[in-house]
Amino acid sequence: MNSIVIIEDRAHLRVGHFPSLFANLADDFVELGIQVDVLTRRGWALEGTRGREWNLHEAGPLAELFHRVARRAMATSRYFAGHTTGDIGIRSYFGAFLRTIVLIVSARRLARAGSGDPAPIVVVAMDFVPALLSIFGGADRWLIWQFHDDVELSWLARAVEETRRLFRRPAHHVTVAVHDERWFDAVSERLPYFEVVNIPLVASRKGDSQRDQSRVALNLHADDKVALLFGTGHRGQSPEVVVEAFRQRPDWQLVIGGKVCARLSAASLEDWETPPLMFGTFVEESVRDNLFASSDLAVLSFVPDFELTSGTVMDAASLGVPILASSGSLAAGLVEQSGAGEVFQAESSQSLLEALDRIDVDLAQQGSTRLREMYSGAVVCRAHLKLLDREAWGN
């Protein structure tokens, strides 16, 4: 295998972690000598992920036209039904359906552009892909990244594959990838005719910690003890616990970055001896890098039933920043397994403070090294290549 195609539907948006994660994955493929073509709906917006050694392609005006027509059609229908605004959910649903078809067809064209066998295609978090690949996917090899266990239109995928089996047509070469083993059973049940695998996605990042320069850029003092709370503000996060704990520790400077800032009330940030510094809600990649490089500690706080991980784990480990993670999450499991920090009881500010007092920075940094080795770019990339290798698809 000497080439690969990656579809990143949301790369034109200046939000989210997926584009940067898959830019890093594309870089790792290139370092292993793989030609990478990246297909997007409309360009690549995030700074720091441009000028790479992979080829960037756009699906073209047809994908954007479908998206806009769907939005206008739903808005018009709602207007004539007596409403002044369209239903965003339905609009997005219809638009994503049409847009995905265009991207699938465009990706197949890219995969077959070179000489020899068609390149395998990796798909990033796109709605309806398993179902639509059953119809439009052809005989190409597809690896679909699924980031939730509720697969859109799984009934359609079942119907198409049942028809395929009835007429004894060969099944598509489609594998669905999940990055959390706890999703494996649910996704497998919804997509019984596709292979489902659990492989790592988030790799440690390359880069040196420029602590002094980063602190100057963020107006932080050189001798501050800096704790970082960074996140997107999804409902699984529990930032209030971190705020409550560090209000009691004026010897630490709490820094908060990302959309999680919007989750915090003004009252929770008043009457501090050392007020938190806020960087949000959208954080440029250069600012994010400075936040991690200037920190002495990264804190991950989730609600008790939140089981997933966070890109913050690898961002912190990449720079040797010790981690405090709340119990029950996949992030906590990584911290415990590697020794990259300490785990505290979810929703307990007192437990967080106790973990803060017992953390051993030297041991945590050694754990960060182990975590970087466990999830290096080469390790993650080879896991993908093993799946995408022709022999792994039974050919």
Protein backbone atom coordinates (compact mmCIF):
# COMPACT_ATOMS: atom_id res chain seq x y z
CA MET A 1 0.00 0.00 0.00
CA ASN A 2 1.52 3.33 -1.03
CA SER A 3 -1.42 5.75 -0.92
CA ILE A 4 -4.46 6.53 1.19
CA VAL A 5 -7.43 8.94 1.10
CA ILE A 6 -8.81 10.67 4.21
CA ILE A 7 -12.19 12.46 4.24
CA GLU A 8 -12.54 15.26 6.83
CA ASP A 9 -15.95 16.87 6.33
CA ARG A 10 -15.57 19.57 9.01
CA ALA A 11 -12.06 20.81 8.30
CA HIS A 12 -13.34 24.13 6.93
CA LEU A 13 -14.76 24.99 10.36
CA ARG A 14 -12.55 26.74 12.91
CA VAL A 15 -13.84 24.59 15.77
CA GLY A 16 -13.34 21.12 17.16
CA HIS A 17 -10.46 18.71 17.57
CA PHE A 18 -11.11 16.26 14.74
CA PRO A 19 -9.35 18.23 11.96
CA SER A 20 -6.13 18.59 13.94
CA LEU A 21 -6.25 14.93 15.04
CA PHE A 22 -6.54 13.72 11.48
CA ALA A 23 -3.96 16.21 10.23
CA ASN A 24 -1.56 14.57 12.68
CA LEU A 25 -2.61 11.12 11.45
CA ALA A 26 -2.00 12.19 7.84
CA ASP A 27 1.45 13.48 8.83
CA ASP A 28 2.28 10.13 10.41
CA PHE A 29 1.22 8.29 7.25
CA VAL A 30 3.49 10.55 5.20
CA GLU A 31 6.44 9.87 7.53
CA LEU A 32 5.98 6.16 6.83
CA GLY A 33 6.21 6.82 3.08
CA ILE A 34 2.47 6.79 2.32
CA GLN A 35 1.02 9.28 -0.18
CA VAL A 36 -1.96 10.94 1.49
CA ASP A 37 -4.84 12.75 -0.23
CA VAL A 38 -7.17 14.63 2.14
CA LEU A 39 -10.68 15.40 0.88
CA THR A 40 -12.70 18.18 2.54
CA ARG A 41 -16.00 19.87 1.83
CA ARG A 42 -14.53 23.37 1.60
CA GLY A 43 -10.85 23.84 2.37
CA TRP A 44 -8.94 23.60 5.64
CA ALA A 45 -9.38 26.38 8.20
CA LEU A 46 -7.31 25.55 11.25
CA GLU A 47 -3.91 27.16 11.56
CA GLY A 48 -0.99 24.84 12.15
CA THR A 49 -2.54 22.13 9.97
CA ARG A 50 -1.76 23.75 6.64
CA GLY A 51 1.33 23.39 4.48
CA ARG A 52 1.69 19.72 5.35
CA GLU A 53 3.16 17.15 3.00
CA TRP A 54 -0.20 15.73 2.02
CA ASN A 55 -2.44 16.78 -0.84
CA LEU A 56 -5.59 18.76 -0.05
CA HIS A 57 -8.69 18.40 -2.25
CA GLU A 58 -12.17 19.89 -2.06
CA ALA A 59 -15.34 17.99 -2.92
CA GLY A 60 -16.30 20.96 -5.03
CA PRO A 61 -19.34 23.19 -5.41
CA LEU A 62 -21.83 20.32 -5.69
CA ALA A 63 -21.40 19.31 -2.03
CA GLU A 64 -21.80 22.91 -0.93
CA LEU A 65 -24.79 23.37 -3.25
CA PHE A 66 -26.56 20.35 -1.74
CA HIS A 67 -25.86 21.71 1.73
CA ARG A 68 -27.30 25.15 0.91
CA VAL A 69 -30.31 23.79 -1.00
CA ALA A 70 -31.20 21.55 1.94
CA ARG A 71 -30.99 24.44 4.38
CA ARG A 72 -33.15 26.68 2.16
CA ALA A 73 -35.71 23.97 1.44
CA MET A 74 -36.28 23.21 5.10
CA ALA A 75 -36.40 26.89 6.04
CA THR A 76 -38.99 27.52 3.32
CA SER A 77 -41.15 24.58 4.36
CA ARG A 78 -41.14 25.74 7.97
CA TYR A 79 -42.04 29.27 6.90
CA PHE A 80 -45.13 28.14 4.98
CA ALA A 81 -46.12 25.99 7.95
CA GLY A 82 -46.39 29.20 9.99
CA HIS A 83 -42.88 29.32 11.51
CA THR A 84 -40.30 32.03 10.99
CA THR A 85 -37.21 29.86 11.34
CA GLY A 86 -36.20 26.50 9.97
CA ASP A 87 -35.63 23.42 12.07
CA ILE A 88 -31.86 23.21 12.39
CA GLY A 89 -31.86 19.51 13.24
CA ILE A 90 -33.93 18.45 10.21
CA ARG A 91 -32.10 20.88 7.95
CA SER A 92 -28.72 19.50 9.00
CA TYR A 93 -30.01 15.94 8.68
CA PHE A 94 -31.14 16.40 5.08
CA GLY A 95 -28.08 18.45 4.10
CA ALA A 96 -25.63 15.96 5.60
CA PHE A 97 -27.36 13.10 3.78
CA LEU A 98 -26.89 14.71 0.36
CA ARG A 99 -23.44 16.07 1.17
CA THR A 100 -22.18 12.67 2.27
CA ILE A 101 -23.13 11.10 -1.06
CA VAL A 102 -21.05 13.70 -2.91
CA LEU A 103 -18.06 13.16 -0.63
CA ILE A 104 -18.24 9.38 -1.01
CA VAL A 105 -18.30 9.62 -4.80
CA SER A 106 -15.48 12.20 -4.79
CA ALA A 107 -13.37 10.01 -2.50
CA ARG A 108 -13.82 6.99 -4.77
CA ARG A 109 -12.64 9.08 -7.70
CA LEU A 110 -9.54 10.15 -5.76
CA ALA A 111 -8.83 6.60 -4.62
CA ARG A 112 -8.83 5.39 -8.22
CA ALA A 113 -6.83 8.27 -9.68
CA GLY A 114 -3.46 6.55 -9.51
CA SER A 115 -2.15 3.46 -11.21
CA GLY A 116 -2.58 0.08 -9.57
CA ASP A 117 -5.14 -0.87 -6.93
CA PRO A 118 -7.49 1.79 -5.55
CA ALA A 119 -6.27 3.46 -2.37
CA PRO A 120 -8.09 2.66 0.87
CA ILE A 121 -10.27 5.45 2.29
CA VAL A 122 -10.50 6.63 5.90
CA VAL A 123 -13.67 8.52 6.83
CA VAL A 124 -13.85 10.94 9.75
CA ALA A 125 -17.05 11.29 11.80
CA MET A 126 -19.48 11.77 8.93
CA ASP A 127 -23.21 11.20 9.40
CA PHE A 128 -24.93 8.31 7.61
CA VAL A 129 -21.68 6.90 6.19
CA PRO A 130 -22.19 3.20 7.08
CA ALA A 131 -25.65 3.19 5.50
CA LEU A 132 -24.73 5.17 2.39
CA LEU A 133 -21.57 3.15 1.79
CA SER A 134 -23.83 0.12 1.49
CA ILE A 135 -25.28 1.76 -1.62
CA PHE A 136 -22.54 3.98 -3.05
CA GLY A 137 -19.32 2.52 -1.66
CA GLY A 138 -18.42 0.20 -4.50
CA ALA A 139 -15.67 -2.35 -3.94
CA ASP A 140 -13.22 0.09 -2.37
CA ARG A 141 -11.78 -0.41 1.10
CA TRP A 142 -13.24 1.91 3.73
CA LEU A 143 -12.37 2.55 7.37
CA ILE A 144 -15.07 4.61 9.12
CA TRP A 145 -14.33 6.37 12.40
CA GLN A 146 -17.47 6.25 14.55
CA PHE A 147 -17.51 8.61 17.55
CA HIS A 148 -20.79 7.62 19.16
CA ASP A 149 -22.65 4.36 19.62
CA ASP A 150 -25.91 5.51 18.03
CA VAL A 151 -25.27 4.94 14.33
CA GLU A 152 -27.45 7.00 11.97
CA LEU A 153 -29.68 5.00 9.60
CA SER A 154 -28.36 1.65 10.81
CA TRP A 155 -31.66 0.14 9.63
CA LEU A 156 -30.77 1.11 6.06
CA ALA A 157 -27.38 -0.56 6.30
CA ARG A 158 -29.07 -3.73 7.56
CA ALA A 159 -31.65 -3.67 4.75
CA VAL A 160 -29.06 -3.19 2.01
CA GLU A 161 -26.76 -5.89 3.34
CA GLU A 162 -29.69 -8.32 3.75
CA THR A 163 -30.57 -7.70 0.09
CA ARG A 164 -26.94 -8.20 -0.85
CA ARG A 165 -26.84 -11.51 0.96
CA LEU A 166 -30.16 -12.59 -0.58
CA PHE A 167 -28.81 -12.08 -4.11
CA ARG A 168 -25.39 -13.45 -3.10
CA ARG A 169 -23.57 -10.26 -3.95
CA PRO A 170 -20.16 -9.75 -2.29
CA ALA A 171 -20.14 -7.58 0.81
CA HIS A 172 -18.38 -4.24 0.82
CA HIS A 173 -14.93 -3.96 2.33
CA VAL A 174 -16.00 -1.72 5.22
CA THR A 175 -14.60 -1.62 8.74
CA VAL A 176 -16.00 0.63 11.47
CA ALA A 177 -13.43 1.91 13.98
CA VAL A 178 -14.20 3.00 17.54
CA HIS A 179 -11.65 4.42 19.96
CA ASP A 180 -13.41 3.15 23.08
CA GLU A 181 -14.01 -0.56 23.65
CA ARG A 182 -17.19 0.29 25.58
CA TRP A 183 -18.84 1.30 22.30
CA PHE A 184 -17.88 -1.94 20.58
CA ASP A 185 -20.98 -4.02 21.43
CA ALA A 186 -23.50 -1.26 20.71
CA VAL A 187 -22.01 -0.37 17.32
CA SER A 188 -21.62 -4.05 16.38
CA GLU A 189 -25.28 -4.66 17.17
CA ARG A 190 -26.42 -1.75 14.99
CA LEU A 191 -24.11 -2.63 12.09
CA PRO A 192 -23.96 -6.45 12.10
CA TYR A 193 -22.67 -6.73 8.53
CA PHE A 194 -19.61 -4.54 9.08
CA GLU A 195 -16.50 -5.47 10.99
CA VAL A 196 -16.12 -3.27 14.08
CA VAL A 197 -12.69 -2.76 15.61
CA ASN A 198 -11.29 -0.83 18.57
CA ILE A 199 -8.02 0.93 17.66
CA PRO A 200 -6.24 4.01 19.03
CA LEU A 201 -6.74 7.37 17.34
CA VAL A 202 -5.26 10.14 19.49
CA ALA A 203 -1.48 10.04 19.22
CA SER A 204 1.09 12.01 21.15
CA ARG A 205 2.03 15.20 19.36
CA LYS A 206 5.47 16.28 18.27
CA GLY A 207 6.94 19.51 19.58
CA ASP A 208 9.17 21.00 22.22
CA SER A 209 7.94 22.80 25.28
CA GLN A 210 8.86 26.48 25.06
CA ARG A 211 7.78 27.25 28.60
CA ASP A 212 9.31 30.72 29.01
CA GLN A 213 8.18 32.00 25.62
CA SER A 214 4.71 30.56 26.11
CA ARG A 215 4.29 32.27 29.47
CA VAL A 216 5.37 35.58 28.02
CA ALA A 217 2.83 35.16 25.19
CA LEU A 218 0.05 34.53 27.72
CA ASN A 219 1.17 37.20 30.22
CA LEU A 220 1.89 34.60 32.89
CA HIS A 221 4.64 35.10 35.46
CA ALA A 222 7.69 32.89 35.22
CA ASP A 223 7.35 31.66 38.82
CA ASP A 224 3.57 30.99 38.78
CA LYS A 225 2.31 27.47 39.47
CA VAL A 226 -0.14 27.06 36.62
CA ALA A 227 -3.01 24.55 36.49
CA LEU A 228 -4.82 24.21 33.15
CA LEU A 229 -8.48 23.34 32.63
CA PHE A 230 -9.04 22.97 28.89
CA GLY A 231 -12.06 21.58 27.08
CA THR A 232 -14.90 21.94 24.62
CA GLY A 233 -17.63 22.35 27.21
CA HIS A 234 -19.61 19.19 26.36
CA ARG A 235 -22.12 17.93 28.90
CA GLY A 236 -19.77 15.23 30.15
CA GLN A 237 -17.41 17.78 31.65
CA SER A 238 -17.60 19.00 35.22
CA PRO A 239 -15.52 22.20 35.39
CA GLU A 240 -17.25 23.48 38.53
CA VAL A 241 -15.37 20.89 40.61
CA VAL A 242 -12.03 22.28 39.41
CA VAL A 243 -13.07 25.87 40.07
CA GLU A 244 -14.27 25.01 43.56
CA ALA A 245 -11.02 23.22 44.39
CA PHE A 246 -8.59 25.85 43.10
CA ARG A 247 -10.51 28.67 44.76
CA GLN A 248 -9.05 27.15 47.94
CA ARG A 249 -5.50 27.14 46.56
CA PRO A 250 -4.38 30.73 45.89
CA ASP A 251 -0.81 29.44 45.50
CA TRP A 252 -1.91 28.10 42.11
CA GLN A 253 -2.89 30.11 39.04
CA LEU A 254 -5.87 28.42 37.38
CA VAL A 255 -6.04 28.94 33.61
CA ILE A 256 -9.20 27.96 31.71
CA GLY A 257 -9.31 27.57 27.93
CA GLY A 258 -11.87 26.57 25.30
CA LYS A 259 -15.66 26.45 25.25
CA VAL A 260 -15.66 25.14 28.80
CA CYS A 261 -15.35 28.83 29.80
CA ALA A 262 -18.99 29.32 28.80
CA ARG A 263 -20.05 26.63 31.27
CA LEU A 264 -18.89 28.66 34.26
CA SER A 265 -21.10 31.26 35.90
CA ALA A 266 -19.83 34.73 36.72
CA ALA A 267 -20.55 34.11 40.40
CA SER A 268 -18.22 31.10 40.49
CA LEU A 269 -15.34 33.29 39.33
CA GLU A 270 -15.82 36.13 41.86
CA ASP A 271 -14.00 36.80 45.14
CA TRP A 272 -10.82 34.93 44.29
CA GLU A 273 -7.49 35.79 45.83
CA THR A 274 -5.86 34.67 42.58
CA PRO A 275 -8.59 34.99 39.88
CA PRO A 276 -8.60 32.44 37.04
CA LEU A 277 -7.39 33.52 33.61
CA MET A 278 -9.84 32.75 30.81
CA PHE A 279 -8.94 31.91 27.19
CA GLY A 280 -12.08 31.06 25.24
CA THR A 281 -14.35 30.17 23.83
CA PHE A 282 -12.60 29.31 20.57
CA VAL A 283 -8.87 28.89 21.04
CA GLU A 284 -6.46 29.10 18.12
CA GLU A 285 -4.00 26.23 17.90
CA SER A 286 -1.07 28.50 18.67
CA VAL A 287 -2.80 29.65 21.87
CA ARG A 288 -3.65 26.08 22.82
CA ASP A 289 0.00 25.09 22.37
CA ASN A 290 1.09 27.98 24.59
CA LEU A 291 -1.46 27.01 27.24
CA PHE A 292 -0.11 23.48 27.54
CA ALA A 293 3.54 24.49 27.25
CA SER A 294 3.19 27.01 30.08
CA SER A 295 1.30 24.70 32.47
CA ASP A 296 2.58 22.76 35.46
CA LEU A 297 -0.55 20.64 35.63
CA ALA A 298 -3.54 19.68 33.45
CA VAL A 299 -6.88 18.86 35.08
CA LEU A 300 -9.61 16.70 33.53
CA SER A 301 -12.92 16.68 35.39
CA PHE A 302 -15.94 14.72 34.15
CA VAL A 303 -19.33 13.76 35.52
CA PRO A 304 -19.38 10.29 37.15
CA ASP A 305 -21.03 8.47 34.22
CA PHE A 306 -18.74 9.92 31.55
CA GLU A 307 -16.63 7.04 30.22
CA LEU A 308 -14.62 8.54 27.39
CA THR A 309 -11.21 10.13 27.06
CA SER A 310 -10.06 13.60 25.99
CA GLY A 311 -7.48 14.99 23.61
CA THR A 312 -6.13 16.89 26.61
CA VAL A 313 -4.49 13.66 27.84
CA MET A 314 -2.19 13.42 24.83
CA ASP A 315 -1.71 17.19 24.57
CA ALA A 316 -0.44 17.21 28.15
CA ALA A 317 1.58 13.99 27.88
CA SER A 318 3.26 15.24 24.69
CA LEU A 319 4.86 18.04 26.72
CA GLY A 320 5.37 16.08 29.94
CA VAL A 321 2.67 17.99 31.82
CA PRO A 322 1.34 15.97 34.84
CA ILE A 323 -2.38 15.13 34.72
CA LEU A 324 -5.15 15.01 37.30
CA ALA A 325 -8.14 13.06 35.93
CA SER A 326 -11.51 12.23 37.49
CA SER A 327 -12.33 8.57 38.12
CA GLY A 328 -14.42 6.40 35.82
CA SER A 329 -13.29 7.89 32.51
CA LEU A 330 -11.06 6.34 29.88
CA ALA A 331 -8.76 9.30 30.49
CA ALA A 332 -8.35 8.20 34.13
CA GLY A 333 -7.54 4.69 32.94
CA LEU A 334 -4.75 6.01 30.72
CA VAL A 335 -3.34 8.09 33.57
CA GLU A 336 -3.36 5.13 35.95
CA GLN A 337 -1.91 2.74 33.39
CA SER A 338 0.98 5.00 32.47
CA GLY A 339 1.55 6.77 35.80
CA ALA A 340 1.27 10.17 34.08
CA GLY A 341 -0.48 11.74 37.08
CA GLU A 342 -3.13 11.09 39.70
CA VAL A 343 -6.82 10.15 39.67
CA PHE A 344 -9.40 11.81 41.93
CA GLN A 345 -13.00 10.94 42.68
CA ALA A 346 -15.40 12.43 40.15
CA GLU A 347 -17.44 15.40 41.41
CA SER A 348 -15.31 15.75 44.55
CA SER A 349 -13.28 18.93 44.94
CA GLN A 350 -11.82 17.58 48.18
CA SER A 351 -10.54 14.47 46.40
CA LEU A 352 -9.06 16.71 43.70
CA LEU A 353 -7.17 18.72 46.33
CA GLU A 354 -5.85 15.53 47.91
CA ALA A 355 -4.63 14.31 44.50
CA LEU A 356 -2.99 17.69 43.95
CA ASP A 357 -1.05 17.35 47.21
CA ARG A 358 0.19 13.82 46.57
CA ILE A 359 1.20 14.11 42.90
CA ASP A 360 4.89 13.43 42.25
CA VAL A 361 5.96 15.56 39.29
CA ASP A 362 9.06 13.50 38.44
CA LEU A 363 7.11 10.22 38.43
CA ALA A 364 4.30 11.81 36.42
CA GLN A 365 6.75 13.02 33.78
CA GLN A 366 8.19 9.52 33.53
CA GLY A 367 4.61 8.29 33.07
CA SER A 368 4.12 10.87 30.31
CA THR A 369 7.09 9.36 28.51
CA ARG A 370 5.50 5.90 28.75
CA LEU A 371 2.19 7.30 27.48
CA ARG A 372 3.91 8.92 24.50
CA GLU A 373 5.54 5.60 23.66
CA MET A 374 2.28 3.68 24.04
CA TYR A 375 0.46 6.05 21.70
CA SER A 376 3.13 7.44 19.42
CA GLY A 377 2.19 8.56 15.95
CA ALA A 378 3.91 5.54 14.46
CA VAL A 379 1.97 3.12 16.71
CA VAL A 380 -1.40 4.69 15.87
CA CYS A 381 -0.57 4.90 12.17
CA ARG A 382 0.53 1.25 11.94
CA ALA A 383 -2.70 0.16 13.63
CA HIS A 384 -4.57 1.84 10.77
CA LEU A 385 -2.30 0.40 8.10
CA LYS A 386 -2.74 -3.11 9.48
CA LEU A 387 -6.50 -2.77 9.05
CA LEU A 388 -6.24 -1.19 5.63
CA ASP A 389 -3.78 -3.70 4.26
CA ARG A 390 -5.34 -5.70 1.43
CA GLU A 391 -4.76 -9.03 3.16
CA ALA A 392 -6.66 -7.83 6.23
CA TRP A 393 -9.75 -7.42 4.05
CA GLY A 394 -9.74 -11.00 2.89
CA ASN A 395 -8.62 -10.23 -0.66
